[in-house]
Amino acid sequence: MQLTKEQTETKKAVAAQLLTIKENSYQNMMSMQSADLREAEDTNENEQNMFEDGKVDQSINRVEARASVVEALQHDINVLSNLDEIEPTEEIQLGDIIETDRGNFFVGAASDEFEVNGKKYRGISTDSPLYLALRGKHNGDAVEVNGTSFTLKNSY
């Protein structure tokens, strides 16, 4: 499948924007992790009573609770960083833009809506029900996901 120059540039811009969003989220998470670990260390060094032990436990619990989010962000960043290696095909795949009657989607990593060149996109993963329903479909095909109908307008 041959993409137009505009399609190629759009895919790169959307992927770059989503990668920036994920990298910023990762940096924010790591800052929070570091702050909580410092707080736990500082509190532990100044340990005076049982109340302080509770604060240490809370800080450590927050770090542990965020660990899976940090891991997921690392995974998303790795996926988005390697999209250039994927050759375009006729089938909807990782790295594709999917235009539907209900909005535009980018297959790479789940995300809230974001804007690139005046168009809005929402990131979806290859595990998302919409991606799974649209795989193998062609322009004009309709699918239903969680009670909502989507008609495929274009994908590239």
C-alpha atoms as a PDB file:
ATOM      1  CA  MET A   1       0.000   0.000   0.000  1.00  0.00           C
ATOM      2  CA  GLN A   2       1.431   3.360  -1.026  1.00  0.00           C
ATOM      3  CA  LEU A   3       0.662   6.353   1.196  1.00  0.00           C
ATOM      4  CA  THR A   4       0.515   9.925  -0.036  1.00  0.00           C
ATOM      5  CA  LYS A   5       3.084  12.371   1.284  1.00  0.00           C
ATOM      6  CA  GLU A   6       0.310  14.079   3.281  1.00  0.00           C
ATOM      7  CA  GLN A   7      -0.804  10.774   4.857  1.00  0.00           C
ATOM      8  CA  THR A   8       2.783   9.896   5.768  1.00  0.00           C
ATOM      9  CA  GLU A   9       3.353  13.320   7.328  1.00  0.00           C
ATOM     10  CA  THR A  10       0.039  13.162   9.207  1.00  0.00           C
ATOM     11  CA  LYS A  11       0.853   9.720  10.635  1.00  0.00           C
ATOM     12  CA  LYS A  12       4.286  10.931  11.760  1.00  0.00           C
ATOM     13  CA  ALA A  13       2.846  14.081  13.346  1.00  0.00           C
ATOM     14  CA  VAL A  14       0.101  12.179  15.190  1.00  0.00           C
ATOM     15  CA  ALA A  15       2.559   9.522  16.400  1.00  0.00           C
ATOM     16  CA  ALA A  16       5.006  12.216  17.551  1.00  0.00           C
ATOM     17  CA  GLN A  17       2.278  14.081  19.452  1.00  0.00           C
ATOM     18  CA  LEU A  18       1.078  10.910  21.175  1.00  0.00           C
ATOM     19  CA  LEU A  19       4.673   9.975  22.026  1.00  0.00           C
ATOM     20  CA  THR A  20       5.195  13.428  23.574  1.00  0.00           C
ATOM     21  CA  ILE A  21       2.015  13.015  25.644  1.00  0.00           C
ATOM     22  CA  LYS A  22       3.170   9.609  26.912  1.00  0.00           C
ATOM     23  CA  GLU A  23       6.720  10.850  27.641  1.00  0.00           C
ATOM     24  CA  ASN A  24       5.351  13.831  29.594  1.00  0.00           C
ATOM     25  CA  SER A  25       3.069  11.534  31.611  1.00  0.00           C
ATOM     26  CA  TYR A  26       6.028   9.246  32.286  1.00  0.00           C
ATOM     27  CA  GLN A  27       8.175  12.178  33.488  1.00  0.00           C
ATOM     28  CA  ASN A  28       5.357  13.383  35.766  1.00  0.00           C
ATOM     29  CA  MET A  29       4.935   9.893  37.216  1.00  0.00           C
ATOM     30  CA  MET A  30       8.661   9.539  37.817  1.00  0.00           C
ATOM     31  CA  SER A  31       8.724  12.937  39.569  1.00  0.00           C
ATOM     32  CA  MET A  32       5.898  11.833  41.853  1.00  0.00           C
ATOM     33  CA  GLN A  33       7.666   8.524  42.501  1.00  0.00           C
ATOM     34  CA  SER A  34      10.891  10.315  43.430  1.00  0.00           C
ATOM     35  CA  ALA A  35       9.067  12.770  45.702  1.00  0.00           C
ATOM     36  CA  ASP A  36       7.251   9.959  47.518  1.00  0.00           C
ATOM     37  CA  LEU A  37      10.467   7.955  47.942  1.00  0.00           C
ATOM     38  CA  ARG A  38      12.292  11.047  49.280  1.00  0.00           C
ATOM     39  CA  GLU A  39       9.413  11.695  51.679  1.00  0.00           C
ATOM     40  CA  ALA A  40       9.543   8.096  52.900  1.00  0.00           C
ATOM     41  CA  GLU A  41      13.324   8.281  53.377  1.00  0.00           C
ATOM     42  CA  ASP A  42      13.175  11.655  55.156  1.00  0.00           C
ATOM     43  CA  THR A  43      10.341  10.553  57.413  1.00  0.00           C
ATOM     44  CA  ASN A  44      12.095   7.269  58.153  1.00  0.00           C
ATOM     45  CA  GLU A  45      15.318   9.084  59.112  1.00  0.00           C
ATOM     46  CA  ASN A  46      13.391  11.346  61.488  1.00  0.00           C
ATOM     47  CA  GLU A  47      11.343   8.485  62.885  1.00  0.00           C
ATOM     48  CA  GLN A  48       9.874   9.559  66.213  1.00  0.00           C
ATOM     49  CA  ASN A  49       6.582   7.817  66.666  1.00  0.00           C
ATOM     50  CA  MET A  50       3.991   5.461  65.201  1.00  0.00           C
ATOM     51  CA  PHE A  51       2.359   8.307  63.264  1.00  0.00           C
ATOM     52  CA  GLU A  52       5.559   8.719  61.239  1.00  0.00           C
ATOM     53  CA  ASP A  53       5.591   4.985  60.420  1.00  0.00           C
ATOM     54  CA  GLY A  54       2.130   5.424  58.889  1.00  0.00           C
ATOM     55  CA  LYS A  55       3.385   8.262  56.687  1.00  0.00           C
ATOM     56  CA  VAL A  56       6.234   6.088  55.413  1.00  0.00           C
ATOM     57  CA  ASP A  57       3.802   3.287  54.610  1.00  0.00           C
ATOM     58  CA  GLN A  58       1.520   5.712  52.751  1.00  0.00           C
ATOM     59  CA  SER A  59       4.394   7.014  50.638  1.00  0.00           C
ATOM     60  CA  ILE A  60       5.552   3.504  49.773  1.00  0.00           C
ATOM     61  CA  ASN A  61       1.985   2.427  48.979  1.00  0.00           C
ATOM     62  CA  ARG A  62       1.628   5.344  46.533  1.00  0.00           C
ATOM     63  CA  VAL A  63       4.887   4.345  44.828  1.00  0.00           C
ATOM     64  CA  GLU A  64       3.748   0.733  44.517  1.00  0.00           C
ATOM     65  CA  ALA A  65       0.293   1.743  43.264  1.00  0.00           C
ATOM     66  CA  ARG A  66       1.852   3.835  40.484  1.00  0.00           C
ATOM     67  CA  ALA A  67       4.342   1.137  39.439  1.00  0.00           C
ATOM     68  CA  SER A  68       1.938  -0.510  36.977  1.00  0.00           C
ATOM     69  CA  VAL A  69       1.110   2.867  35.410  1.00  0.00           C
ATOM     70  CA  VAL A  70       4.814   3.617  35.005  1.00  0.00           C
ATOM     71  CA  GLU A  71       5.316   0.195  33.415  1.00  0.00           C
ATOM     72  CA  ALA A  72       2.394   0.746  31.018  1.00  0.00           C
ATOM     73  CA  LEU A  73       3.766   4.158  30.031  1.00  0.00           C
ATOM     74  CA  GLN A  74       7.197   2.628  29.354  1.00  0.00           C
ATOM     75  CA  HIS A  75       5.520   0.021  27.130  1.00  0.00           C
ATOM     76  CA  ASP A  76       3.555   2.696  25.223  1.00  0.00           C
ATOM     77  CA  ILE A  77       6.704   4.782  24.703  1.00  0.00           C
ATOM     78  CA  ASN A  78       8.568   1.743  23.354  1.00  0.00           C
ATOM     79  CA  VAL A  79       5.711   0.905  20.956  1.00  0.00           C
ATOM     80  CA  LEU A  80       5.380   4.491  19.723  1.00  0.00           C
ATOM     81  CA  SER A  81       9.153   4.875  19.323  1.00  0.00           C
ATOM     82  CA  ASN A  82       9.323   1.936  16.907  1.00  0.00           C
ATOM     83  CA  LEU A  83       6.434   2.699  14.544  1.00  0.00           C
ATOM     84  CA  ASP A  84       8.766   3.762  11.704  1.00  0.00           C
ATOM     85  CA  GLU A  85       9.735   0.118  11.234  1.00  0.00           C
ATOM     86  CA  ILE A  86       6.181  -0.930  10.235  1.00  0.00           C
ATOM     87  CA  GLU A  87       5.408  -1.079   6.518  1.00  0.00           C
ATOM     88  CA  PRO A  88       1.914   0.106   5.473  1.00  0.00           C
ATOM     89  CA  THR A  89      -0.493  -2.657   4.436  1.00  0.00           C
ATOM     90  CA  GLU A  90      -4.085  -2.898   3.239  1.00  0.00           C
ATOM     91  CA  GLU A  91      -5.127  -4.176   6.695  1.00  0.00           C
ATOM     92  CA  ILE A  92      -5.595  -1.823   9.626  1.00  0.00           C
ATOM     93  CA  GLN A  93      -2.550  -2.227  11.866  1.00  0.00           C
ATOM     94  CA  LEU A  94      -0.379  -0.666  14.543  1.00  0.00           C
ATOM     95  CA  GLY A  95       0.569   2.893  13.564  1.00  0.00           C
ATOM     96  CA  ASP A  96      -2.493   3.519  11.387  1.00  0.00           C
ATOM     97  CA  ILE A  97      -4.900   6.403  11.458  1.00  0.00           C
ATOM     98  CA  ILE A  98      -8.542   5.303  11.385  1.00  0.00           C
ATOM     99  CA  GLU A  99     -11.160   7.839  10.328  1.00  0.00           C
ATOM    100  CA  THR A 100     -14.745   6.946  11.283  1.00  0.00           C
ATOM    101  CA  ASP A 101     -18.082   8.711  11.398  1.00  0.00           C
ATOM    102  CA  ARG A 102     -17.515   8.978  15.171  1.00  0.00           C
ATOM    103  CA  GLY A 103     -14.041  10.487  15.119  1.00  0.00           C
ATOM    104  CA  ASN A 104     -10.429   9.813  14.252  1.00  0.00           C
ATOM    105  CA  PHE A 105      -8.278   7.245  15.987  1.00  0.00           C
ATOM    106  CA  PHE A 106      -4.587   6.395  16.020  1.00  0.00           C
ATOM    107  CA  VAL A 107      -3.551   2.800  16.646  1.00  0.00           C
ATOM    108  CA  GLY A 108      -0.585   2.838  18.999  1.00  0.00           C
ATOM    109  CA  ALA A 109      -1.486   3.497  22.607  1.00  0.00           C
ATOM    110  CA  ALA A 110      -4.661   4.408  24.446  1.00  0.00           C
ATOM    111  CA  SER A 111      -5.053   8.120  25.121  1.00  0.00           C
ATOM    112  CA  ASP A 112      -7.505  10.894  25.664  1.00  0.00           C
ATOM    113  CA  GLU A 113      -8.341  13.063  22.690  1.00  0.00           C
ATOM    114  CA  PHE A 114      -5.561  15.289  21.341  1.00  0.00           C
ATOM    115  CA  GLU A 115      -5.218  17.602  18.361  1.00  0.00           C
ATOM    116  CA  VAL A 116      -2.781  17.646  15.445  1.00  0.00           C
ATOM    117  CA  ASN A 117      -3.030  20.173  12.606  1.00  0.00           C
ATOM    118  CA  GLY A 118      -6.581  21.127  13.580  1.00  0.00           C
ATOM    119  CA  LYS A 119      -7.872  17.536  13.636  1.00  0.00           C
ATOM    120  CA  LYS A 120      -8.775  15.613  16.771  1.00  0.00           C
ATOM    121  CA  TYR A 121      -7.563  12.078  17.424  1.00  0.00           C
ATOM    122  CA  ARG A 122      -7.931   9.531  20.193  1.00  0.00           C
ATOM    123  CA  GLY A 123      -5.253   6.913  20.749  1.00  0.00           C
ATOM    124  CA  ILE A 124      -6.267   3.253  20.862  1.00  0.00           C
ATOM    125  CA  SER A 125      -4.203   0.134  21.432  1.00  0.00           C
ATOM    126  CA  THR A 126      -4.213  -3.078  19.436  1.00  0.00           C
ATOM    127  CA  ASP A 127      -6.162  -4.611  22.350  1.00  0.00           C
ATOM    128  CA  SER A 128      -9.020  -2.108  22.106  1.00  0.00           C
ATOM    129  CA  PRO A 129     -12.444  -3.420  21.095  1.00  0.00           C
ATOM    130  CA  LEU A 130     -12.663  -0.841  18.281  1.00  0.00           C
ATOM    131  CA  TYR A 131      -9.350  -1.919  16.760  1.00  0.00           C
ATOM    132  CA  LEU A 132     -10.295  -5.595  17.020  1.00  0.00           C
ATOM    133  CA  ALA A 133     -13.689  -4.937  15.404  1.00  0.00           C
ATOM    134  CA  LEU A 134     -12.213  -2.914  12.523  1.00  0.00           C
ATOM    135  CA  ARG A 135      -9.384  -5.298  11.665  1.00  0.00           C
ATOM    136  CA  GLY A 136      -9.900  -6.604   8.140  1.00  0.00           C
ATOM    137  CA  LYS A 137     -12.670  -4.106   7.370  1.00  0.00           C
ATOM    138  CA  HIS A 138     -12.838  -1.776   4.362  1.00  0.00           C
ATOM    139  CA  ASN A 139     -14.034   1.798   3.834  1.00  0.00           C
ATOM    140  CA  GLY A 140     -17.806   1.968   4.265  1.00  0.00           C
ATOM    141  CA  ASP A 141     -17.964  -1.077   6.559  1.00  0.00           C
ATOM    142  CA  ALA A 142     -19.778  -0.594   9.862  1.00  0.00           C
ATOM    143  CA  VAL A 143     -19.003  -2.279  13.166  1.00  0.00           C
ATOM    144  CA  GLU A 144     -20.657  -2.156  16.557  1.00  0.00           C
ATOM    145  CA  VAL A 145     -18.587  -1.780  19.704  1.00  0.00           C
ATOM    146  CA  ASN A 146     -20.206  -1.705  23.138  1.00  0.00           C
ATOM    147  CA  GLY A 147     -23.541  -0.707  21.629  1.00  0.00           C
ATOM    148  CA  THR A 148     -22.083   2.095  19.475  1.00  0.00           C
ATOM    149  CA  SER A 149     -21.934   1.882  15.688  1.00  0.00           C
ATOM    150  CA  PHE A 150     -18.807   3.064  13.839  1.00  0.00           C
ATOM    151  CA  THR A 151     -18.564   3.375  10.038  1.00  0.00           C
ATOM    152  CA  LEU A 152     -15.057   3.224   8.614  1.00  0.00           C
ATOM    153  CA  LYS A 153     -14.411   6.194   6.317  1.00  0.00           C
ATOM    154  CA  ASN A 154     -10.687   5.766   5.726  1.00  0.00           C
ATOM    155  CA  SER A 155      -7.581   4.203   7.205  1.00  0.00           C
ATOM    156  CA  TYR A 156      -3.907   4.582   6.417  1.00  0.00           C
END
